[in-house]
Amino acid sequence: MIRFLGLNIGFDFWSLLYLAVFAVTVFALVTALTFPAAAYEAAGKSTKVVWVSVLVGALLVDLLLSIFIVRIGFLIATLVYLADVRPALQGLRRR
């Protein structure tokens, strides 16, 4: 337990997991915003608007909802972006 500004802040496993998922989602959103829209089409992936919308939705779900199954669904979408779309976009940048 950490005391900060008069508040007791506990870091259990679930809190750390939540922070990790939130950080991964923010990272994915920031990287999605850095690629141009044409790169998504050139890589044969869904459009930039689709991926940014999905990642913003994931961020909002992380912040506002506590429905576990919805969070898992958006986490899977975030991981798909990081594992499939982002490497394809980076491959285009290297050429």
Protein backbone atom coordinates (compact mmCIF):
# COMPACT_ATOMS: atom_id res chain seq x y z
CA MET A 1 0.00 0.00 0.00
CA ILE A 2 1.35 3.43 -0.98
CA ARG A 3 0.23 6.64 0.69
CA PHE A 4 0.01 9.56 -1.76
CA LEU A 5 -1.58 12.96 -1.03
CA GLY A 6 -3.40 11.50 1.92
CA LEU A 7 -4.83 8.61 -0.09
CA ASN A 8 -3.99 4.95 0.34
CA ILE A 9 -3.25 3.50 -3.06
CA GLY A 10 -3.06 -0.27 -3.35
CA PHE A 11 -1.47 -2.09 -6.24
CA ASP A 12 -2.81 -5.59 -6.44
CA PHE A 13 -2.55 -7.93 -9.42
CA TRP A 14 -5.76 -6.70 -11.08
CA SER A 15 -4.81 -3.04 -10.75
CA LEU A 16 -1.44 -3.68 -12.36
CA LEU A 17 -3.07 -5.75 -15.10
CA TYR A 18 -5.56 -2.93 -15.77
CA LEU A 19 -2.74 -0.37 -15.98
CA ALA A 20 -0.79 -2.63 -18.36
CA VAL A 21 -3.81 -3.08 -20.66
CA PHE A 22 -4.48 0.66 -20.56
CA ALA A 23 -0.85 1.44 -21.42
CA VAL A 24 -0.85 -1.04 -24.33
CA THR A 25 -4.07 0.49 -25.66
CA VAL A 26 -2.67 4.03 -25.47
CA PHE A 27 0.51 2.87 -27.22
CA ALA A 28 -1.51 1.20 -30.00
CA LEU A 29 -3.67 4.30 -30.48
CA VAL A 30 -0.67 6.63 -30.66
CA THR A 31 1.07 4.41 -33.20
CA ALA A 32 -2.13 4.08 -35.25
CA LEU A 33 -2.37 7.85 -35.45
CA THR A 34 1.23 8.22 -36.68
CA PHE A 35 0.77 6.25 -39.91
CA PRO A 36 -0.82 7.98 -42.92
CA ALA A 37 -4.22 6.76 -44.11
CA ALA A 38 -2.78 5.62 -47.44
CA ALA A 39 -0.42 3.21 -45.66
CA TYR A 40 -3.35 1.20 -44.29
CA GLU A 41 -4.75 0.70 -47.78
CA ALA A 42 -1.32 -0.07 -49.24
CA ALA A 43 -0.83 -2.75 -46.57
CA GLY A 44 -4.20 -4.29 -47.44
CA LYS A 45 -5.65 -3.63 -43.99
CA SER A 46 -8.82 -1.89 -42.86
CA THR A 47 -8.76 1.89 -43.09
CA LYS A 48 -7.12 4.19 -40.60
CA VAL A 49 -10.54 5.43 -39.49
CA VAL A 50 -11.63 1.89 -38.62
CA TRP A 51 -8.52 1.11 -36.58
CA VAL A 52 -8.45 4.44 -34.78
CA SER A 53 -12.16 4.06 -33.98
CA VAL A 54 -11.61 0.57 -32.59
CA LEU A 55 -8.69 1.71 -30.47
CA VAL A 56 -10.53 4.79 -29.18
CA GLY A 57 -13.43 2.49 -28.35
CA ALA A 58 -11.03 0.22 -26.47
CA LEU A 59 -9.67 3.19 -24.54
CA LEU A 60 -13.17 4.39 -23.63
CA VAL A 61 -14.21 0.91 -22.55
CA ASP A 62 -11.11 0.68 -20.36
CA LEU A 63 -11.97 4.01 -18.75
CA LEU A 64 -15.74 3.79 -18.43
CA LEU A 65 -16.96 0.20 -18.37
CA SER A 66 -16.29 -2.62 -16.00
CA ILE A 67 -17.86 -5.30 -18.18
CA PHE A 68 -15.11 -7.88 -18.36
CA ILE A 69 -16.11 -9.60 -21.61
CA VAL A 70 -16.29 -6.28 -23.48
CA ARG A 71 -12.84 -5.35 -22.20
CA ILE A 72 -11.47 -8.70 -23.36
CA GLY A 73 -12.96 -8.17 -26.83
CA PHE A 74 -11.34 -4.78 -27.21
CA LEU A 75 -8.06 -6.11 -25.78
CA ILE A 76 -8.07 -8.79 -28.49
CA ALA A 77 -8.69 -6.11 -31.14
CA THR A 78 -5.80 -4.05 -29.74
CA LEU A 79 -3.50 -7.06 -29.80
CA VAL A 80 -4.53 -7.83 -33.40
CA TYR A 81 -3.56 -4.29 -34.36
CA LEU A 82 -0.18 -4.62 -32.63
CA ALA A 83 0.56 -8.10 -33.96
CA ASP A 84 -0.74 -7.81 -37.54
CA VAL A 85 -1.47 -4.28 -38.71
CA ARG A 86 1.39 -2.34 -37.11
CA PRO A 87 4.14 -4.65 -38.47
CA ALA A 88 2.59 -4.44 -41.95
CA LEU A 89 2.57 -0.65 -41.77
CA GLN A 90 6.14 -0.55 -40.51
CA GLY A 91 7.17 -2.80 -43.38
CA LEU A 92 5.85 -0.23 -45.82
CA ARG A 93 7.82 2.51 -44.09
CA ARG A 94 11.12 0.64 -44.58
CA ARG A 95 10.75 0.30 -48.36
